[in-house]
Amino acid sequence: MSITISSGIPTYFIDKVRDDVEHACQQKKSLFERAVTIVPIAGVEALGFNQMNTKEMQLKEGRNPDTPRNDTQTERRWLFHDPYHYAEQFDKDDDLEMMLDPAAETIPAVRWARNRKVDDIVIAAFDATVTSGRRSNTSTITWAAERGDTKYARNSTIATEGRTIAHDTSVGNCSASDTGMTTEKIELVKEYFARMEVPEDEPIFGAINPIQGTDLWGQEEYVNIDYNSDKPLASGTWLKKWMGINWIISNKIVIGSSNDVDSDTNVYKNWFWTKQGMRLGIARSFSVDLHPRYDMSMAQEIYADLNMGAVRLNEDRVCVVECQ
């Protein structure tokens, strides 16, 4: 059965297109959406997350000693969310059957637009300034102030440890001349999270550009079947999990300008984190509507929107690896 454009688009077709777009987006989430802790946001402009300092047990000495009195240090971080939307109009004389067909390009294009925006929101939150305090406008926490822009150097105390693994680091087994993504740098990522007392059963995610993905192909441990259960060379695909890291390959990881820790080299900042380190607040995951525009010669408009935001919750659960 064909659709007669002159008499308008049947309601069942409009509902079908809208439902198909929504279902397509729900089935295929963004690259970063599955790698963060998702929290629902309902009816609030900002959502606060409470944190406490680490607790330590004390030795009880003698009989009936004084009960320990410890001052609990608390912190509240705030997640803000914003609306985003998209609309496109199809003229009544366009080939609507093709452009709005559930199997045509429109649906995946809208889905990709939604997922790219989610990725942008999460990536921006890795080193963004965080609002903290009892109320949402009390104080701020910057990535740099939490040693985010300090080189990881195996300091004697974790409290002074940096969270950036430099592109030319020589810490551990790394060579300063090997400035791409290497097995040795991944070893430092694992070492970092272990020193921050991240539980072994807490998954670690890593986001790299395809260029760093190609770097990994040059690593013996990556392509040799003696080290892996999969065969990347035989299959021609990147490993989704390797060395205990869940890998995300994304063009959203881009090279900057003099953006390394010394501010003199162009590098890719490859983020590594656990779900406990990042929060994605969703007020509205995605909604789609298709309706006529009476002010545009009865053009059919497809309108999509979402409302969400992200926040870095715990710096100990986040680090970054520089690569040229």
Protein backbone atom coordinates (compact mmCIF):
# COMPACT_ATOMS: atom_id res chain seq x y z
CA MET A 1 0.00 0.00 0.00
CA SER A 2 1.43 3.37 -1.00
CA ILE A 3 1.03 6.62 0.87
CA THR A 4 -0.76 9.41 -0.94
CA ILE A 5 1.14 12.58 -0.17
CA SER A 6 -1.66 14.90 -1.30
CA SER A 7 -4.00 13.61 1.37
CA GLY A 8 -1.43 13.75 4.15
CA ILE A 9 0.40 11.08 6.09
CA PRO A 10 -1.78 8.58 7.94
CA THR A 11 -1.65 8.68 11.74
CA TYR A 12 -0.53 5.07 11.99
CA PHE A 13 2.50 5.88 9.81
CA ILE A 14 3.46 8.85 11.94
CA ASP A 15 3.21 6.71 15.07
CA LYS A 16 5.27 4.00 13.41
CA VAL A 17 8.08 6.37 12.46
CA ARG A 18 8.16 7.91 15.93
CA ASP A 19 8.18 4.53 17.66
CA ASP A 20 10.88 3.14 15.37
CA VAL A 21 13.20 6.06 16.04
CA GLU A 22 12.71 5.78 19.80
CA HIS A 23 13.24 2.01 19.77
CA ALA A 24 16.33 2.28 17.59
CA CYS A 25 17.93 4.71 20.05
CA GLN A 26 17.02 2.55 23.04
CA GLN A 27 18.50 -0.56 21.43
CA LYS A 28 21.79 1.02 20.40
CA LYS A 29 23.12 3.26 23.13
CA SER A 30 26.00 5.67 22.80
CA LEU A 31 29.56 4.44 23.26
CA PHE A 32 29.97 6.14 26.64
CA GLU A 33 26.46 5.65 28.00
CA ARG A 34 27.12 2.02 28.92
CA ALA A 35 30.37 2.92 30.68
CA VAL A 36 29.05 5.28 33.36
CA THR A 37 26.62 5.03 36.25
CA ILE A 38 23.20 6.24 35.11
CA VAL A 39 20.85 7.93 37.55
CA PRO A 40 17.31 9.14 36.83
CA ILE A 41 16.49 12.81 37.39
CA ALA A 42 12.86 13.72 37.95
CA GLY A 43 11.55 17.19 38.66
CA VAL A 44 14.81 18.78 39.88
CA GLU A 45 17.19 21.26 38.28
CA ALA A 46 20.24 19.70 39.92
CA LEU A 47 20.98 16.45 41.75
CA GLY A 48 23.45 16.27 44.65
CA PHE A 49 25.63 13.25 45.46
CA ASN A 50 26.95 12.89 49.00
CA GLN A 51 30.40 11.51 49.81
CA MET A 52 32.29 10.74 53.03
CA ASN A 53 35.95 10.43 53.85
CA THR A 54 37.66 7.05 54.32
CA LYS A 55 37.05 5.41 57.71
CA GLU A 56 39.79 3.80 59.79
CA MET A 57 39.44 1.36 62.67
CA GLN A 58 41.48 2.17 65.79
CA LEU A 59 43.19 -0.11 68.29
CA LYS A 60 41.26 -0.51 71.52
CA GLU A 61 43.73 -0.47 74.43
CA GLY A 62 43.10 -1.16 78.13
CA ARG A 63 39.78 -1.70 79.83
CA ASN A 64 36.84 0.64 79.20
CA PRO A 65 38.82 3.20 77.19
CA ASP A 66 37.21 6.35 75.86
CA THR A 67 35.03 5.83 72.84
CA PRO A 68 36.78 7.15 69.72
CA ARG A 69 35.48 10.43 68.41
CA ASN A 70 36.02 10.97 64.71
CA ASP A 71 34.91 13.97 62.71
CA THR A 72 33.26 12.81 59.53
CA GLN A 73 34.27 14.81 56.49
CA THR A 74 31.53 15.09 53.91
CA GLU A 75 31.23 16.49 50.43
CA ARG A 76 28.33 16.98 48.07
CA ARG A 77 28.76 17.22 44.30
CA TRP A 78 26.09 18.51 42.00
CA LEU A 79 24.96 17.23 38.62
CA PHE A 80 23.27 19.72 36.30
CA HIS A 81 21.36 18.73 33.20
CA ASP A 82 20.38 20.59 30.04
CA PRO A 83 17.87 20.02 27.23
CA TYR A 84 19.01 19.34 23.67
CA HIS A 85 16.82 19.06 20.62
CA TYR A 86 16.79 18.47 16.88
CA ALA A 87 14.24 19.14 14.17
CA GLU A 88 14.05 18.68 10.45
CA GLN A 89 11.29 19.63 8.04
CA PHE A 90 10.29 17.69 4.94
CA ASP A 91 8.40 19.59 2.27
CA LYS A 92 5.08 18.13 1.28
CA ASP A 93 6.38 17.56 -2.24
CA ASP A 94 9.53 15.78 -1.09
CA ASP A 95 9.75 12.04 -1.38
CA LEU A 96 8.37 11.48 2.10
CA GLU A 97 7.88 7.79 1.54
CA MET A 98 11.62 7.33 1.19
CA MET A 99 12.85 9.87 3.74
CA LEU A 100 10.48 8.88 6.54
CA ASP A 101 10.40 5.18 5.84
CA PRO A 102 11.46 3.26 8.98
CA ALA A 103 14.13 1.54 6.88
CA ALA A 104 15.52 4.74 5.35
CA GLU A 105 18.41 6.95 6.48
CA THR A 106 16.40 9.32 8.67
CA ILE A 107 16.00 7.02 11.66
CA PRO A 108 19.67 5.98 12.08
CA ALA A 109 20.74 9.59 11.43
CA VAL A 110 18.60 10.85 14.31
CA ARG A 111 19.80 8.00 16.51
CA TRP A 112 23.44 8.82 15.78
CA ALA A 113 22.82 12.50 16.51
CA ARG A 114 21.38 11.59 19.90
CA ASN A 115 24.22 9.20 20.76
CA ARG A 116 26.94 11.62 19.68
CA LYS A 117 25.47 14.26 21.98
CA VAL A 118 25.48 11.82 24.91
CA ASP A 119 29.14 11.05 24.21
CA ASP A 120 29.92 14.79 24.14
CA ILE A 121 28.23 15.28 27.52
CA VAL A 122 30.20 12.49 29.19
CA ILE A 123 33.57 13.40 27.66
CA ALA A 124 33.21 17.05 28.69
CA ALA A 125 32.61 15.98 32.30
CA PHE A 126 35.93 14.15 32.72
CA ASP A 127 37.93 17.30 33.46
CA ALA A 128 35.13 19.83 33.91
CA THR A 129 34.84 22.01 37.01
CA VAL A 130 32.46 20.39 39.50
CA THR A 131 30.10 22.40 41.67
CA SER A 132 30.16 21.22 45.27
CA GLY A 133 28.95 22.14 48.72
CA ARG A 134 25.77 21.89 50.74
CA ARG A 135 23.97 23.93 48.09
CA SER A 136 24.62 23.86 44.39
CA ASN A 137 26.35 27.24 44.28
CA THR A 138 28.62 26.95 47.32
CA SER A 139 32.06 26.05 45.91
CA THR A 140 33.83 24.33 43.05
CA ILE A 141 36.28 21.48 42.49
CA THR A 142 38.59 21.68 39.49
CA TRP A 143 40.37 18.80 37.82
CA ALA A 144 43.71 20.57 38.21
CA ALA A 145 43.20 21.18 41.93
CA GLU A 146 42.70 17.44 42.42
CA ARG A 147 46.11 16.75 40.85
CA GLY A 148 44.52 16.01 37.50
CA ASP A 149 47.20 18.04 35.71
CA THR A 150 50.03 16.47 37.72
CA LYS A 151 52.21 13.73 36.24
CA TYR A 152 51.84 10.22 37.61
CA ALA A 153 55.25 9.60 39.13
CA ARG A 154 54.91 6.86 41.79
CA ASN A 155 55.15 9.27 44.67
CA SER A 156 55.72 7.89 48.14
CA THR A 157 52.19 8.81 49.21
CA ILE A 158 49.00 8.40 47.21
CA ALA A 159 47.79 11.76 48.52
CA THR A 160 50.36 13.53 46.32
CA GLU A 161 50.02 11.28 43.28
CA GLY A 162 49.22 12.78 39.89
CA ARG A 163 46.46 11.56 37.58
CA THR A 164 48.07 12.22 34.19
CA ILE A 165 50.30 9.64 32.52
CA ALA A 166 52.45 11.82 30.28
CA HIS A 167 53.05 11.01 26.62
CA ASP A 168 56.81 10.92 27.26
CA THR A 169 56.71 9.24 30.65
CA SER A 170 59.53 6.94 31.69
CA VAL A 171 57.79 5.68 34.82
CA GLY A 172 57.79 1.92 35.28
CA ASN A 173 58.53 0.05 32.06
CA CYS A 174 57.72 3.04 29.82
CA SER A 175 60.20 4.62 27.45
CA ALA A 176 60.13 8.40 27.04
CA SER A 177 60.68 7.99 23.29
CA ASP A 178 57.54 5.87 22.79
CA THR A 179 54.87 8.57 22.85
CA GLY A 180 51.90 6.60 21.48
CA MET A 181 49.59 4.17 23.27
CA THR A 182 51.67 1.30 24.61
CA THR A 183 51.31 -1.77 26.76
CA GLU A 184 53.56 -0.11 29.33
CA LYS A 185 51.25 2.89 29.68
CA ILE A 186 48.30 0.57 30.21
CA GLU A 187 50.31 -1.11 32.95
CA LEU A 188 50.55 2.30 34.64
CA VAL A 189 46.78 2.75 34.32
CA LYS A 190 46.25 -0.54 36.11
CA GLU A 191 48.85 0.45 38.70
CA TYR A 192 47.14 3.80 39.23
CA PHE A 193 43.74 2.27 39.97
CA ALA A 194 45.30 -0.37 42.22
CA ARG A 195 47.07 2.34 44.23
CA MET A 196 43.78 4.21 44.51
CA GLU A 197 42.33 1.03 46.03
CA VAL A 198 39.80 0.48 43.26
CA PRO A 199 38.36 -3.04 43.78
CA GLU A 200 39.56 -5.60 41.26
CA ASP A 201 35.98 -6.48 40.32
CA GLU A 202 35.17 -2.87 39.37
CA PRO A 203 35.35 -2.64 35.54
CA ILE A 204 37.76 -0.13 34.02
CA PHE A 205 36.89 1.66 30.78
CA GLY A 206 39.29 3.37 28.40
CA ALA A 207 38.48 5.73 25.52
CA ILE A 208 40.97 6.06 22.68
CA ASN A 209 41.08 7.48 19.17
CA PRO A 210 41.43 4.99 16.27
CA ILE A 211 45.04 6.20 15.98
CA GLN A 212 45.78 4.86 19.45
CA GLY A 213 43.92 1.72 18.43
CA THR A 214 46.41 1.32 15.59
CA ASP A 215 49.24 1.85 18.10
CA LEU A 216 48.00 -1.20 19.96
CA TRP A 217 48.30 -3.32 16.82
CA GLY A 218 52.01 -2.69 17.04
CA GLN A 219 52.19 -4.27 20.49
CA GLU A 220 53.27 -7.90 20.59
CA GLU A 221 51.02 -8.57 23.56
CA TYR A 222 48.03 -7.24 21.63
CA VAL A 223 48.26 -9.34 18.46
CA ASN A 224 49.90 -12.51 19.77
CA ILE A 225 47.39 -15.27 20.51
CA ASP A 226 49.62 -16.42 23.36
CA TYR A 227 48.40 -13.38 25.30
CA ASN A 228 44.75 -13.35 24.18
CA SER A 229 41.76 -15.58 23.74
CA ASP A 230 40.73 -13.59 20.63
CA LYS A 231 42.62 -13.20 17.37
CA PRO A 232 42.67 -9.52 16.37
CA LEU A 233 44.91 -10.11 13.34
CA ALA A 234 42.73 -12.92 12.01
CA SER A 235 39.45 -11.11 12.59
CA GLY A 236 40.70 -7.64 11.67
CA THR A 237 38.89 -6.10 14.64
CA TRP A 238 39.94 -4.26 17.76
CA LEU A 239 39.72 -6.15 21.04
CA LYS A 240 36.82 -4.88 23.13
CA LYS A 241 38.47 -6.07 26.32
CA TRP A 242 42.19 -6.41 26.81
CA MET A 243 44.53 -6.17 29.80
CA GLY A 244 41.49 -5.75 32.03
CA ILE A 245 40.33 -2.62 30.16
CA ASN A 246 36.99 -2.27 28.37
CA TRP A 247 38.00 -0.33 25.26
CA ILE A 248 35.96 2.37 23.53
CA ILE A 249 37.21 3.51 20.10
CA SER A 250 35.86 6.99 19.39
CA ASN A 251 36.63 9.89 17.06
CA LYS A 252 35.42 12.10 19.90
CA ILE A 253 38.93 11.74 21.36
CA VAL A 254 40.70 14.45 19.37
CA ILE A 255 44.18 15.94 19.41
CA GLY A 256 44.53 19.30 21.11
CA SER A 257 46.89 22.24 20.80
CA SER A 258 49.76 22.39 23.33
CA ASN A 259 47.44 20.51 25.69
CA ASP A 260 49.84 18.08 27.32
CA VAL A 261 50.71 18.29 31.00
CA ASP A 262 53.68 20.57 30.15
CA SER A 263 51.57 22.73 27.82
CA ASP A 264 54.03 22.41 24.93
CA THR A 265 52.92 19.37 22.90
CA ASN A 266 49.80 18.45 20.95
CA VAL A 267 48.37 15.25 22.39
CA TYR A 268 45.30 13.04 22.47
CA LYS A 269 43.89 12.77 25.99
CA ASN A 270 42.72 9.21 26.47
CA TRP A 271 40.47 8.89 29.50
CA PHE A 272 40.33 5.85 31.78
CA TRP A 273 37.69 5.50 34.48
CA THR A 274 35.33 3.24 36.37
CA LYS A 275 31.57 3.55 36.58
CA GLN A 276 31.89 4.75 40.17
CA GLY A 277 33.89 7.74 38.98
CA MET A 278 31.32 9.16 36.56
CA ARG A 279 27.57 9.85 36.74
CA LEU A 280 25.17 10.47 33.88
CA GLY A 281 21.89 12.01 35.02
CA ILE A 282 18.96 11.49 32.67
CA ALA A 283 15.85 13.63 32.96
CA ARG A 284 14.63 12.55 29.53
CA SER A 285 16.52 9.91 27.60
CA PHE A 286 14.94 10.60 24.22
CA SER A 287 11.60 11.51 22.73
CA VAL A 288 10.47 11.87 19.14
CA ASP A 289 7.49 13.54 17.55
CA LEU A 290 6.35 13.83 13.96
CA HIS A 291 3.79 16.46 13.08
CA PRO A 292 2.72 18.88 10.30
CA ARG A 293 3.97 22.46 10.29
CA TYR A 294 1.01 24.64 9.41
CA ASP A 295 3.32 27.65 9.13
CA MET A 296 5.55 25.93 6.55
CA SER A 297 3.13 24.85 3.83
CA MET A 298 2.15 21.75 5.80
CA ALA A 299 5.68 20.40 5.82
CA GLN A 300 6.17 17.35 8.02
CA GLU A 301 8.55 17.98 10.91
CA ILE A 302 10.44 15.33 12.84
CA TYR A 303 11.37 16.66 16.27
CA ALA A 304 13.62 14.89 18.78
CA ASP A 305 14.86 15.97 22.21
CA LEU A 306 16.68 14.75 25.30
CA ASN A 307 17.64 16.19 28.68
CA MET A 308 20.70 15.01 30.61
CA GLY A 309 24.01 15.95 32.18
CA ALA A 310 27.16 14.32 33.58
CA VAL A 311 29.52 14.91 36.49
CA ARG A 312 32.88 13.57 37.67
CA LEU A 313 32.12 12.10 41.07
CA ASN A 314 35.48 10.74 42.24
CA GLU A 315 38.90 11.72 40.90
CA ASP A 316 40.44 8.52 42.30
CA ARG A 317 38.36 6.65 39.73
CA VAL A 318 39.58 8.72 36.76
CA CYS A 319 42.95 9.17 35.05
CA VAL A 320 44.20 10.26 31.63
CA VAL A 321 46.91 8.97 29.29
CA GLU A 322 48.52 11.38 26.85
CA CYS A 323 49.48 10.12 23.39
CA GLN A 324 50.94 11.80 20.33
